[in-house]
C-alpha atoms as a PDB file:
ATOM      1  CA  MET A   1     -33.064 -38.329 -25.352  1.00  0.00           C
ATOM      2  CA  GLU A   2     -31.490 -35.454 -27.321  1.00  0.00           C
ATOM      3  CA  LYS A   3     -33.266 -32.856 -25.147  1.00  0.00           C
ATOM      4  CA  GLY A   4     -31.970 -34.549 -21.992  1.00  0.00           C
ATOM      5  CA  LEU A   5     -28.431 -34.523 -23.360  1.00  0.00           C
ATOM      6  CA  ILE A   6     -28.668 -30.805 -24.206  1.00  0.00           C
ATOM      7  CA  HIS A   7     -29.878 -30.002 -20.669  1.00  0.00           C
ATOM      8  CA  ARG A   8     -26.962 -31.945 -19.183  1.00  0.00           C
ATOM      9  CA  LEU A   9     -24.393 -30.267 -21.443  1.00  0.00           C
ATOM     10  CA  LEU A  10     -25.722 -26.688 -21.128  1.00  0.00           C
ATOM     11  CA  PRO A  11     -23.905 -25.845 -17.835  1.00  0.00           C
ATOM     12  CA  LEU A  12     -20.649 -27.179 -19.298  1.00  0.00           C
ATOM     13  CA  LEU A  13     -21.065 -25.065 -22.427  1.00  0.00           C
ATOM     14  CA  ILE A  14     -21.647 -21.945 -20.339  1.00  0.00           C
ATOM     15  CA  LEU A  15     -18.547 -22.638 -18.266  1.00  0.00           C
ATOM     16  CA  ALA A  16     -16.527 -23.245 -21.412  1.00  0.00           C
ATOM     17  CA  ALA A  17     -17.602 -19.864 -22.783  1.00  0.00           C
ATOM     18  CA  GLY A  18     -16.322 -18.221 -19.606  1.00  0.00           C
ATOM     19  CA  ALA A  19     -12.969 -19.960 -20.075  1.00  0.00           C
ATOM     20  CA  LEU A  20     -12.300 -18.489 -23.519  1.00  0.00           C
ATOM     21  CA  PRO A  21      -9.134 -16.393 -23.763  1.00  0.00           C
ATOM     22  CA  ALA A  22      -9.693 -12.726 -22.971  1.00  0.00           C
ATOM     23  CA  ALA A  23      -8.689 -11.708 -26.480  1.00  0.00           C
ATOM     24  CA  ALA A  24     -11.529 -13.820 -27.907  1.00  0.00           C
ATOM     25  CA  GLN A  25     -14.106 -12.043 -25.749  1.00  0.00           C
ATOM     26  CA  THR A  26     -12.747  -8.539 -26.211  1.00  0.00           C
ATOM     27  CA  ALA A  27     -14.793  -6.358 -28.529  1.00  0.00           C
ATOM     28  CA  PRO A  28     -12.820  -5.203 -31.605  1.00  0.00           C
ATOM     29  CA  LEU A  29     -11.995  -1.560 -32.048  1.00  0.00           C
ATOM     30  CA  PRO A  30     -14.175   0.510 -34.427  1.00  0.00           C
ATOM     31  CA  ARG A  31     -13.919   0.272 -38.195  1.00  0.00           C
ATOM     32  CA  GLY A  32     -11.061   2.279 -39.665  1.00  0.00           C
ATOM     33  CA  ALA A  33      -9.003   2.261 -36.451  1.00  0.00           C
ATOM     34  CA  ASP A  34      -5.998   0.798 -38.267  1.00  0.00           C
ATOM     35  CA  LYS A  35      -5.982   3.763 -40.690  1.00  0.00           C
ATOM     36  CA  ALA A  36      -6.801   6.469 -38.159  1.00  0.00           C
ATOM     37  CA  PRO A  37      -4.231   9.158 -37.277  1.00  0.00           C
ATOM     38  CA  GLU A  38      -1.991   8.215 -34.370  1.00  0.00           C
ATOM     39  CA  ALA A  39      -3.310  11.129 -32.303  1.00  0.00           C
ATOM     40  CA  ILE A  40      -6.846   9.735 -32.170  1.00  0.00           C
ATOM     41  CA  ARG A  41      -6.117   6.006 -32.304  1.00  0.00           C
ATOM     42  CA  ARG A  42      -5.434   5.759 -28.570  1.00  0.00           C
ATOM     43  CA  TRP A  43      -8.888   7.191 -27.835  1.00  0.00           C
ATOM     44  CA  LEU A  44     -10.893   4.947 -30.166  1.00  0.00           C
ATOM     45  CA  GLY A  45     -13.269   2.296 -28.896  1.00  0.00           C
ATOM     46  CA  ALA A  46     -15.770   1.857 -26.079  1.00  0.00           C
ATOM     47  CA  TRP A  47     -15.670   3.910 -22.873  1.00  0.00           C
ATOM     48  CA  GLU A  48     -17.708   4.162 -19.698  1.00  0.00           C
ATOM     49  CA  LEU A  49     -19.174   7.659 -19.294  1.00  0.00           C
ATOM     50  CA  ALA A  50     -20.505   8.301 -15.801  1.00  0.00           C
ATOM     51  CA  THR A  51     -21.586  11.083 -13.519  1.00  0.00           C
ATOM     52  CA  ALA A  52     -18.918  12.084 -11.002  1.00  0.00           C
ATOM     53  CA  ASP A  53     -20.586  10.039  -8.247  1.00  0.00           C
ATOM     54  CA  ALA A  54     -20.931   7.021 -10.606  1.00  0.00           C
ATOM     55  CA  SER A  55     -24.662   6.852  -9.885  1.00  0.00           C
ATOM     56  CA  ARG A  56     -25.432   6.875 -13.607  1.00  0.00           C
ATOM     57  CA  SER A  57     -23.291   5.531 -16.430  1.00  0.00           C
ATOM     58  CA  CYS A  58     -23.430   4.395 -20.026  1.00  0.00           C
ATOM     59  CA  THR A  59     -21.118   2.862 -22.640  1.00  0.00           C
ATOM     60  CA  VAL A  60     -20.192   5.258 -25.443  1.00  0.00           C
ATOM     61  CA  THR A  61     -18.059   4.478 -28.478  1.00  0.00           C
ATOM     62  CA  LEU A  62     -15.590   6.930 -29.996  1.00  0.00           C
ATOM     63  CA  GLY A  63     -15.586   5.932 -33.664  1.00  0.00           C
ATOM     64  CA  ALA A  64     -12.969   6.501 -36.344  1.00  0.00           C
ATOM     65  CA  GLU A  65     -15.506   7.405 -39.045  1.00  0.00           C
ATOM     66  CA  ALA A  66     -15.754  11.045 -40.040  1.00  0.00           C
ATOM     67  CA  ALA A  67     -18.785  13.089 -38.979  1.00  0.00           C
ATOM     68  CA  GLY A  68     -18.258  16.385 -40.777  1.00  0.00           C
ATOM     69  CA  ASN A  69     -15.022  17.829 -39.409  1.00  0.00           C
ATOM     70  CA  ARG A  70     -15.197  15.536 -36.405  1.00  0.00           C
ATOM     71  CA  ARG A  71     -15.612  11.806 -35.614  1.00  0.00           C
ATOM     72  CA  GLN A  72     -18.641   9.635 -34.949  1.00  0.00           C
ATOM     73  CA  LEU A  73     -19.876   9.259 -31.381  1.00  0.00           C
ATOM     74  CA  ARG A  74     -22.175   6.277 -30.797  1.00  0.00           C
ATOM     75  CA  PHE A  75     -24.205   5.024 -27.836  1.00  0.00           C
ATOM     76  CA  PRO A  76     -27.464   3.118 -27.202  1.00  0.00           C
ATOM     77  CA  ALA A  77     -30.677   5.163 -27.246  1.00  0.00           C
ATOM     78  CA  THR A  78     -31.205   4.314 -23.573  1.00  0.00           C
ATOM     79  CA  CYS A  79     -28.126   6.399 -22.728  1.00  0.00           C
ATOM     80  CA  ARG A  80     -30.148   9.557 -23.338  1.00  0.00           C
ATOM     81  CA  ARG A  81     -32.367   8.587 -20.433  1.00  0.00           C
ATOM     82  CA  ALA A  82     -29.489   7.606 -18.139  1.00  0.00           C
ATOM     83  CA  LEU A  83     -27.398  10.658 -19.061  1.00  0.00           C
ATOM     84  CA  PRO A  84     -29.632  13.375 -20.540  1.00  0.00           C
ATOM     85  CA  ILE A  85     -26.619  15.439 -21.599  1.00  0.00           C
ATOM     86  CA  LEU A  86     -26.028  12.896 -24.387  1.00  0.00           C
ATOM     87  CA  ASP A  87     -29.299  13.963 -26.001  1.00  0.00           C
ATOM     88  CA  THR A  88     -27.403  16.704 -27.872  1.00  0.00           C
ATOM     89  CA  ALA A  89     -24.069  14.879 -28.327  1.00  0.00           C
ATOM     90  CA  ALA A  90     -23.455  14.072 -31.996  1.00  0.00           C
ATOM     91  CA  SER A  91     -19.684  13.689 -32.506  1.00  0.00           C
ATOM     92  CA  TRP A  92     -16.281  13.930 -30.863  1.00  0.00           C
ATOM     93  CA  THR A  93     -12.960  15.559 -31.583  1.00  0.00           C
ATOM     94  CA  LEU A  94      -9.671  16.433 -29.867  1.00  0.00           C
ATOM     95  CA  ASN A  95      -8.934  19.809 -28.339  1.00  0.00           C
ATOM     96  CA  GLY A  96      -5.593  21.587 -28.617  1.00  0.00           C
ATOM     97  CA  ALA A  97      -4.208  19.530 -25.723  1.00  0.00           C
ATOM     98  CA  GLY A  98      -5.148  16.255 -27.440  1.00  0.00           C
ATOM     99  CA  GLN A  99      -8.069  15.452 -25.105  1.00  0.00           C
ATOM    100  CA  PRO A 100     -11.484  14.197 -26.370  1.00  0.00           C
ATOM    101  CA  GLN A 101     -14.418  16.600 -26.498  1.00  0.00           C
ATOM    102  CA  PHE A 102     -18.044  15.634 -27.144  1.00  0.00           C
ATOM    103  CA  MET A 103     -19.750  18.047 -29.532  1.00  0.00           C
ATOM    104  CA  ASP A 104     -23.303  18.797 -30.629  1.00  0.00           C
ATOM    105  CA  ALA A 105     -24.488  18.991 -34.242  1.00  0.00           C
ATOM    106  CA  GLY A 106     -23.621  22.691 -34.362  1.00  0.00           C
ATOM    107  CA  GLY A 107     -20.030  22.194 -33.223  1.00  0.00           C
ATOM    108  CA  LYS A 108     -20.485  23.377 -29.626  1.00  0.00           C
ATOM    109  CA  GLU A 109     -18.923  21.506 -26.718  1.00  0.00           C
ATOM    110  CA  VAL A 110     -21.261  19.174 -24.846  1.00  0.00           C
ATOM    111  CA  ILE A 111     -18.624  17.703 -22.518  1.00  0.00           C
ATOM    112  CA  ALA A 112     -15.043  18.997 -22.334  1.00  0.00           C
ATOM    113  CA  PHE A 113     -12.498  16.579 -20.861  1.00  0.00           C
ATOM    114  CA  GLN A 114      -9.097  17.502 -19.521  1.00  0.00           C
ATOM    115  CA  GLY A 115      -6.100  15.898 -17.865  1.00  0.00           C
ATOM    116  CA  GLY A 116      -5.768  12.172 -17.340  1.00  0.00           C
ATOM    117  CA  SER A 117      -4.961   9.503 -19.902  1.00  0.00           C
ATOM    118  CA  PRO A 118      -6.661   6.577 -21.687  1.00  0.00           C
ATOM    119  CA  GLU A 119      -5.440   4.276 -18.899  1.00  0.00           C
ATOM    120  CA  ALA A 120      -6.313   6.481 -15.916  1.00  0.00           C
ATOM    121  CA  GLY A 121      -9.481   8.015 -17.345  1.00  0.00           C
ATOM    122  CA  LEU A 122     -10.544  11.635 -17.802  1.00  0.00           C
ATOM    123  CA  ASN A 123     -12.534  14.159 -15.816  1.00  0.00           C
ATOM    124  CA  GLY A 124     -14.795  16.535 -17.683  1.00  0.00           C
ATOM    125  CA  LYS A 125     -17.415  19.207 -17.299  1.00  0.00           C
ATOM    126  CA  GLY A 126     -20.648  19.218 -19.248  1.00  0.00           C
ATOM    127  CA  SER A 127     -22.555  22.093 -20.775  1.00  0.00           C
ATOM    128  CA  ASP A 128     -25.095  21.439 -18.005  1.00  0.00           C
ATOM    129  CA  GLY A 129     -22.447  22.431 -15.454  1.00  0.00           C
ATOM    130  CA  LYS A 130     -22.122  18.908 -14.031  1.00  0.00           C
ATOM    131  CA  PRO A 131     -18.863  16.904 -13.701  1.00  0.00           C
ATOM    132  CA  TYR A 132     -18.409  13.672 -15.664  1.00  0.00           C
ATOM    133  CA  LYS A 133     -15.880  10.849 -15.763  1.00  0.00           C
ATOM    134  CA  LEU A 134     -14.700   8.959 -18.850  1.00  0.00           C
ATOM    135  CA  SER A 135     -12.952   5.684 -18.022  1.00  0.00           C
ATOM    136  CA  SER A 136     -11.717   2.667 -19.948  1.00  0.00           C
ATOM    137  CA  GLY A 137     -13.245   0.031 -17.677  1.00  0.00           C
ATOM    138  CA  ALA A 138     -12.567  -3.346 -19.285  1.00  0.00           C
ATOM    139  CA  HIS A 139     -12.522  -1.968 -22.833  1.00  0.00           C
ATOM    140  CA  PRO A 140      -9.413  -2.209 -25.069  1.00  0.00           C
ATOM    141  CA  ARG A 141      -7.262   0.857 -25.719  1.00  0.00           C
ATOM    142  CA  VAL A 142      -4.705  -0.506 -28.177  1.00  0.00           C
ATOM    143  CA  SER A 143      -4.676  -1.198 -31.905  1.00  0.00           C
ATOM    144  CA  PRO A 144      -6.157  -4.544 -33.048  1.00  0.00           C
ATOM    145  CA  GLN A 145      -2.719  -5.760 -34.160  1.00  0.00           C
ATOM    146  CA  VAL A 146      -1.180  -5.154 -30.736  1.00  0.00           C
ATOM    147  CA  ALA A 147      -4.180  -6.634 -28.942  1.00  0.00           C
ATOM    148  CA  GLN A 148      -4.008  -9.852 -30.935  1.00  0.00           C
ATOM    149  CA  SER A 149      -0.296 -10.355 -30.349  1.00  0.00           C
ATOM    150  CA  SER A 150      -0.059  -9.470 -26.663  1.00  0.00           C
ATOM    151  CA  ALA A 151      -3.439  -9.869 -24.954  1.00  0.00           C
ATOM    152  CA  GLY A 152      -3.361 -13.671 -24.834  1.00  0.00           C
ATOM    153  CA  THR A 153       0.090 -13.775 -23.225  1.00  0.00           C
ATOM    154  CA  ALA A 154      -0.655 -10.953 -20.761  1.00  0.00           C
ATOM    155  CA  ALA A 155      -3.990 -12.479 -19.748  1.00  0.00           C
ATOM    156  CA  GLN A 156      -2.412 -15.833 -18.861  1.00  0.00           C
ATOM    157  CA  ARG A 157       0.375 -14.297 -16.775  1.00  0.00           C
ATOM    158  CA  ILE A 158      -0.070 -14.628 -12.998  1.00  0.00           C
ATOM    159  CA  THR A 159       0.369 -11.321 -11.179  1.00  0.00           C
ATOM    160  CA  GLN A 160       3.152 -11.304  -8.623  1.00  0.00           C
ATOM    161  CA  VAL A 161       1.823 -10.136  -5.245  1.00  0.00           C
ATOM    162  CA  ASP A 162       3.807  -8.751  -2.317  1.00  0.00           C
ATOM    163  CA  PRO A 163       2.014 -10.151   0.769  1.00  0.00           C
ATOM    164  CA  ALA A 164       3.465  -7.331   2.869  1.00  0.00           C
ATOM    165  CA  THR A 165       1.458  -4.736   0.936  1.00  0.00           C
ATOM    166  CA  ALA A 166      -1.685  -6.836   0.413  1.00  0.00           C
ATOM    167  CA  PRO A 167      -4.828  -6.267   2.539  1.00  0.00           C
ATOM    168  CA  ALA A 168      -4.862  -7.897   5.962  1.00  0.00           C
ATOM    169  CA  ALA A 169      -6.867 -11.119   6.212  1.00  0.00           C
ATOM    170  CA  SER A 170      -8.973  -9.603   8.986  1.00  0.00           C
ATOM    171  CA  SER A 171     -10.222  -6.916   6.584  1.00  0.00           C
ATOM    172  CA  LEU A 172     -11.705  -9.362   4.079  1.00  0.00           C
ATOM    173  CA  PRO A 173     -14.990 -10.510   5.669  1.00  0.00           C
ATOM    174  CA  GLY A 174     -17.905  -8.339   4.602  1.00  0.00           C
ATOM    175  CA  ARG A 175     -20.299  -7.521   1.774  1.00  0.00           C
ATOM    176  CA  TYR A 176     -19.020  -7.131  -1.784  1.00  0.00           C
ATOM    177  CA  VAL A 177     -20.306  -5.903  -5.113  1.00  0.00           C
ATOM    178  CA  VAL A 178     -19.380  -8.404  -7.842  1.00  0.00           C
ATOM    179  CA  MET A 179     -18.896  -6.949 -11.330  1.00  0.00           C
ATOM    180  CA  ARG A 180     -18.178  -8.090 -14.857  1.00  0.00           C
ATOM    181  CA  GLN A 181     -17.446  -4.486 -15.920  1.00  0.00           C
ATOM    182  CA  GLN A 182     -16.235  -1.562 -13.878  1.00  0.00           C
ATOM    183  CA  ASN A 183     -19.090   0.045 -11.898  1.00  0.00           C
ATOM    184  CA  ARG A 184     -21.652  -2.412 -13.344  1.00  0.00           C
ATOM    185  CA  GLU A 185     -23.017  -4.467 -10.449  1.00  0.00           C
ATOM    186  CA  ALA A 186     -23.846  -8.073 -11.339  1.00  0.00           C
ATOM    187  CA  CYS A 187     -24.398  -9.593  -7.887  1.00  0.00           C
ATOM    188  CA  ARG A 188     -23.614  -9.118  -4.225  1.00  0.00           C
ATOM    189  CA  LEU A 189     -21.509 -11.565  -2.274  1.00  0.00           C
ATOM    190  CA  VAL A 190     -20.938 -11.963   1.470  1.00  0.00           C
ATOM    191  CA  LEU A 191     -17.632 -13.314   2.772  1.00  0.00           C
ATOM    192  CA  SER A 192     -18.203 -14.455   6.352  1.00  0.00           C
ATOM    193  CA  PRO A 193     -15.551 -14.809   9.091  1.00  0.00           C
ATOM    194  CA  ALA A 194     -14.209 -18.259   9.849  1.00  0.00           C
ATOM    195  CA  SER A 195     -16.596 -20.534  11.733  1.00  0.00           C
ATOM    196  CA  ALA A 196     -15.679 -22.629  14.781  1.00  0.00           C
ATOM    197  CA  GLY A 197     -14.628 -25.428  12.452  1.00  0.00           C
ATOM    198  CA  GLY A 198     -12.291 -23.131  10.532  1.00  0.00           C
ATOM    199  CA  ARG A 199     -14.502 -22.929   7.425  1.00  0.00           C
ATOM    200  CA  GLN A 200     -14.834 -19.479   5.808  1.00  0.00           C
ATOM    201  CA  PRO A 201     -18.295 -19.339   4.174  1.00  0.00           C
ATOM    202  CA  ALA A 202     -19.290 -17.281   1.134  1.00  0.00           C
ATOM    203  CA  ALA A 203     -22.796 -16.771  -0.235  1.00  0.00           C
ATOM    204  CA  PHE A 204     -24.721 -14.506  -2.574  1.00  0.00           C
ATOM    205  CA  GLU A 205     -26.773 -11.784  -0.943  1.00  0.00           C
ATOM    206  CA  GLY A 206     -30.156 -12.267  -2.577  1.00  0.00           C
ATOM    207  CA  LEU A 207     -30.598 -13.524  -6.134  1.00  0.00           C
ATOM    208  CA  CYS A 208     -27.739 -13.318  -8.629  1.00  0.00           C
ATOM    209  CA  PRO A 209     -28.875 -12.837 -12.262  1.00  0.00           C
ATOM    210  CA  ASP A 210     -25.428 -13.655 -13.697  1.00  0.00           C
ATOM    211  CA  THR A 211     -25.639 -17.211 -15.086  1.00  0.00           C
ATOM    212  CA  GLY A 212     -21.901 -17.865 -14.972  1.00  0.00           C
ATOM    213  CA  LEU A 213     -21.649 -16.803 -11.334  1.00  0.00           C
ATOM    214  CA  THR A 214     -24.647 -18.840 -10.246  1.00  0.00           C
ATOM    215  CA  ILE A 215     -23.195 -21.932 -11.926  1.00  0.00           C
ATOM    216  CA  PHE A 216     -19.858 -21.303 -10.189  1.00  0.00           C
ATOM    217  CA  ASP A 217     -21.871 -20.889  -6.940  1.00  0.00           C
ATOM    218  CA  PRO A 218     -19.253 -19.670  -4.427  1.00  0.00           C
ATOM    219  CA  VAL A 219     -19.677 -21.313  -1.006  1.00  0.00           C
ATOM    220  CA  GLY A 220     -16.368 -20.460   0.638  1.00  0.00           C
ATOM    221  CA  TRP A 221     -13.181 -18.428   0.467  1.00  0.00           C
ATOM    222  CA  ARG A 222      -9.567 -18.581   1.552  1.00  0.00           C
ATOM    223  CA  TYR A 223      -6.703 -16.102   1.665  1.00  0.00           C
ATOM    224  CA  ALA A 224      -2.984 -16.758   1.407  1.00  0.00           C
ATOM    225  CA  ASP A 225       0.060 -14.774   0.249  1.00  0.00           C
ATOM    226  CA  GLY A 226      -2.069 -11.799  -0.787  1.00  0.00           C
ATOM    227  CA  ARG A 227      -4.337 -13.852  -3.068  1.00  0.00           C
ATOM    228  CA  LEU A 228      -8.067 -14.238  -2.393  1.00  0.00           C
ATOM    229  CA  THR A 229      -9.630 -17.483  -3.623  1.00  0.00           C
ATOM    230  CA  LEU A 230     -13.362 -17.965  -4.094  1.00  0.00           C
ATOM    231  CA  VAL A 231     -14.268 -21.634  -3.669  1.00  0.00           C
ATOM    232  CA  ALA A 232     -17.075 -23.074  -5.800  1.00  0.00           C
ATOM    233  CA  ARG A 233     -19.616 -25.585  -4.549  1.00  0.00           C
ATOM    234  CA  ARG A 234     -17.866 -28.278  -6.609  1.00  0.00           C
ATOM    235  CA  GLY A 235     -14.525 -27.516  -4.954  1.00  0.00           C
ATOM    236  CA  HIS A 236     -12.590 -25.629  -7.616  1.00  0.00           C
ATOM    237  CA  GLY A 237     -11.511 -22.034  -7.062  1.00  0.00           C
ATOM    238  CA  THR A 238     -10.936 -18.660  -8.721  1.00  0.00           C
ATOM    239  CA  ASP A 239      -8.066 -16.448  -7.560  1.00  0.00           C
ATOM    240  CA  LEU A 240      -8.226 -12.662  -7.250  1.00  0.00           C
ATOM    241  CA  VAL A 241      -5.588 -10.005  -6.536  1.00  0.00           C
ATOM    242  CA  PHE A 242      -6.091  -6.569  -4.995  1.00  0.00           C
ATOM    243  CA  GLU A 243      -5.578  -3.615  -7.364  1.00  0.00           C
ATOM    244  CA  ASN A 244      -6.787  -0.018  -7.278  1.00  0.00           C
ATOM    245  CA  GLY A 245      -9.069  -0.544  -4.300  1.00  0.00           C
ATOM    246  CA  GLN A 246     -10.790  -3.687  -5.592  1.00  0.00           C
ATOM    247  CA  TRP A 247     -10.231  -7.371  -6.295  1.00  0.00           C
ATOM    248  CA  ARG A 248      -9.579  -8.610  -9.847  1.00  0.00           C
ATOM    249  CA  LYS A 249      -9.560 -12.167 -11.190  1.00  0.00           C
ATOM    250  CA  ASP A 250      -6.005 -13.374 -11.824  1.00  0.00           C
ATOM    251  CA  PRO A 251      -4.889 -14.540 -14.253  1.00  0.00           C
ATOM    252  CA  ALA A 252      -7.307 -12.476 -16.362  1.00  0.00           C
ATOM    253  CA  VAL A 253      -8.456 -15.364 -18.556  1.00  0.00           C
ATOM    254  CA  GLY A 254     -12.083 -15.727 -19.619  1.00  0.00           C
ATOM    255  CA  ALA A 255     -14.936 -13.536 -18.454  1.00  0.00           C
ATOM    256  CA  PRO A 256     -13.808 -10.564 -16.314  1.00  0.00           C
ATOM    257  CA  LEU A 257     -14.514 -10.668 -12.583  1.00  0.00           C
ATOM    258  CA  LEU A 258     -14.148  -7.737 -10.174  1.00  0.00           C
ATOM    259  CA  MET A 259     -15.104  -7.365  -6.512  1.00  0.00           C
ATOM    260  CA  ARG A 260     -15.343  -4.202  -4.461  1.00  0.00           C
ATOM    261  CA  LYS A 261     -16.042  -4.227  -0.727  1.00  0.00           C
ATOM    262  CA  LEU A 262     -19.020  -2.209   0.464  1.00  0.00           C
ATOM    263  CA  ALA A 263     -18.802   0.099   3.440  1.00  0.00           C
ATOM    264  CA  PRO A 264     -20.246  -1.422   6.642  1.00  0.00           C
END
């Protein structure tokens, strides 16, 4: 009897986890961030490092802890396979312009970044001569104190959309990459044009390994006033707004959800 009850409650528990406030699911900044100099504090935390064409990427963490005259740079061991240039990266520091630089154990530049900002991301060039991109993705860029006081309110705020500048409804049908993090494909979704009966179907393209998305199980979509709504099999919906060339769940409560349309 207990096993049967657990099986019945499991989908509800998974959905509840996805409904947690964004601040509760956001990874904390590295140790010592609250005592770090102001110049480096804005750069601390997790980042997405990718090749210029975004074909390969990895999450790297700019730590506050000292590593000689520089700061700790951390990443999973698998990153060395995805981005071989990280094989020699051992620490990070700021250049004279206040931009992060990845360094090797001997103090030589591995990747030099320039221009940009923590919000917009940075372009860099590696010692291998290749271009790289450092972007925030869904990772926090503010101090823990600020994040705790403002993230909950900001996440629950509905974004105001100007329908006149939103994408045309006719442009929405097509194939989409669905993501939980920027440039990290979770599933693919097809939004089909309206059928003769007026229904606008939606369906995964192939298998979707994301448990939360498969439980939501989108079967339809609608579009009104610049807001795209994915309709679940059980009838409830999730709204998205168009920003920076892709769709983002709004309000941004719970697990992140991004959608980017694929070229025909």
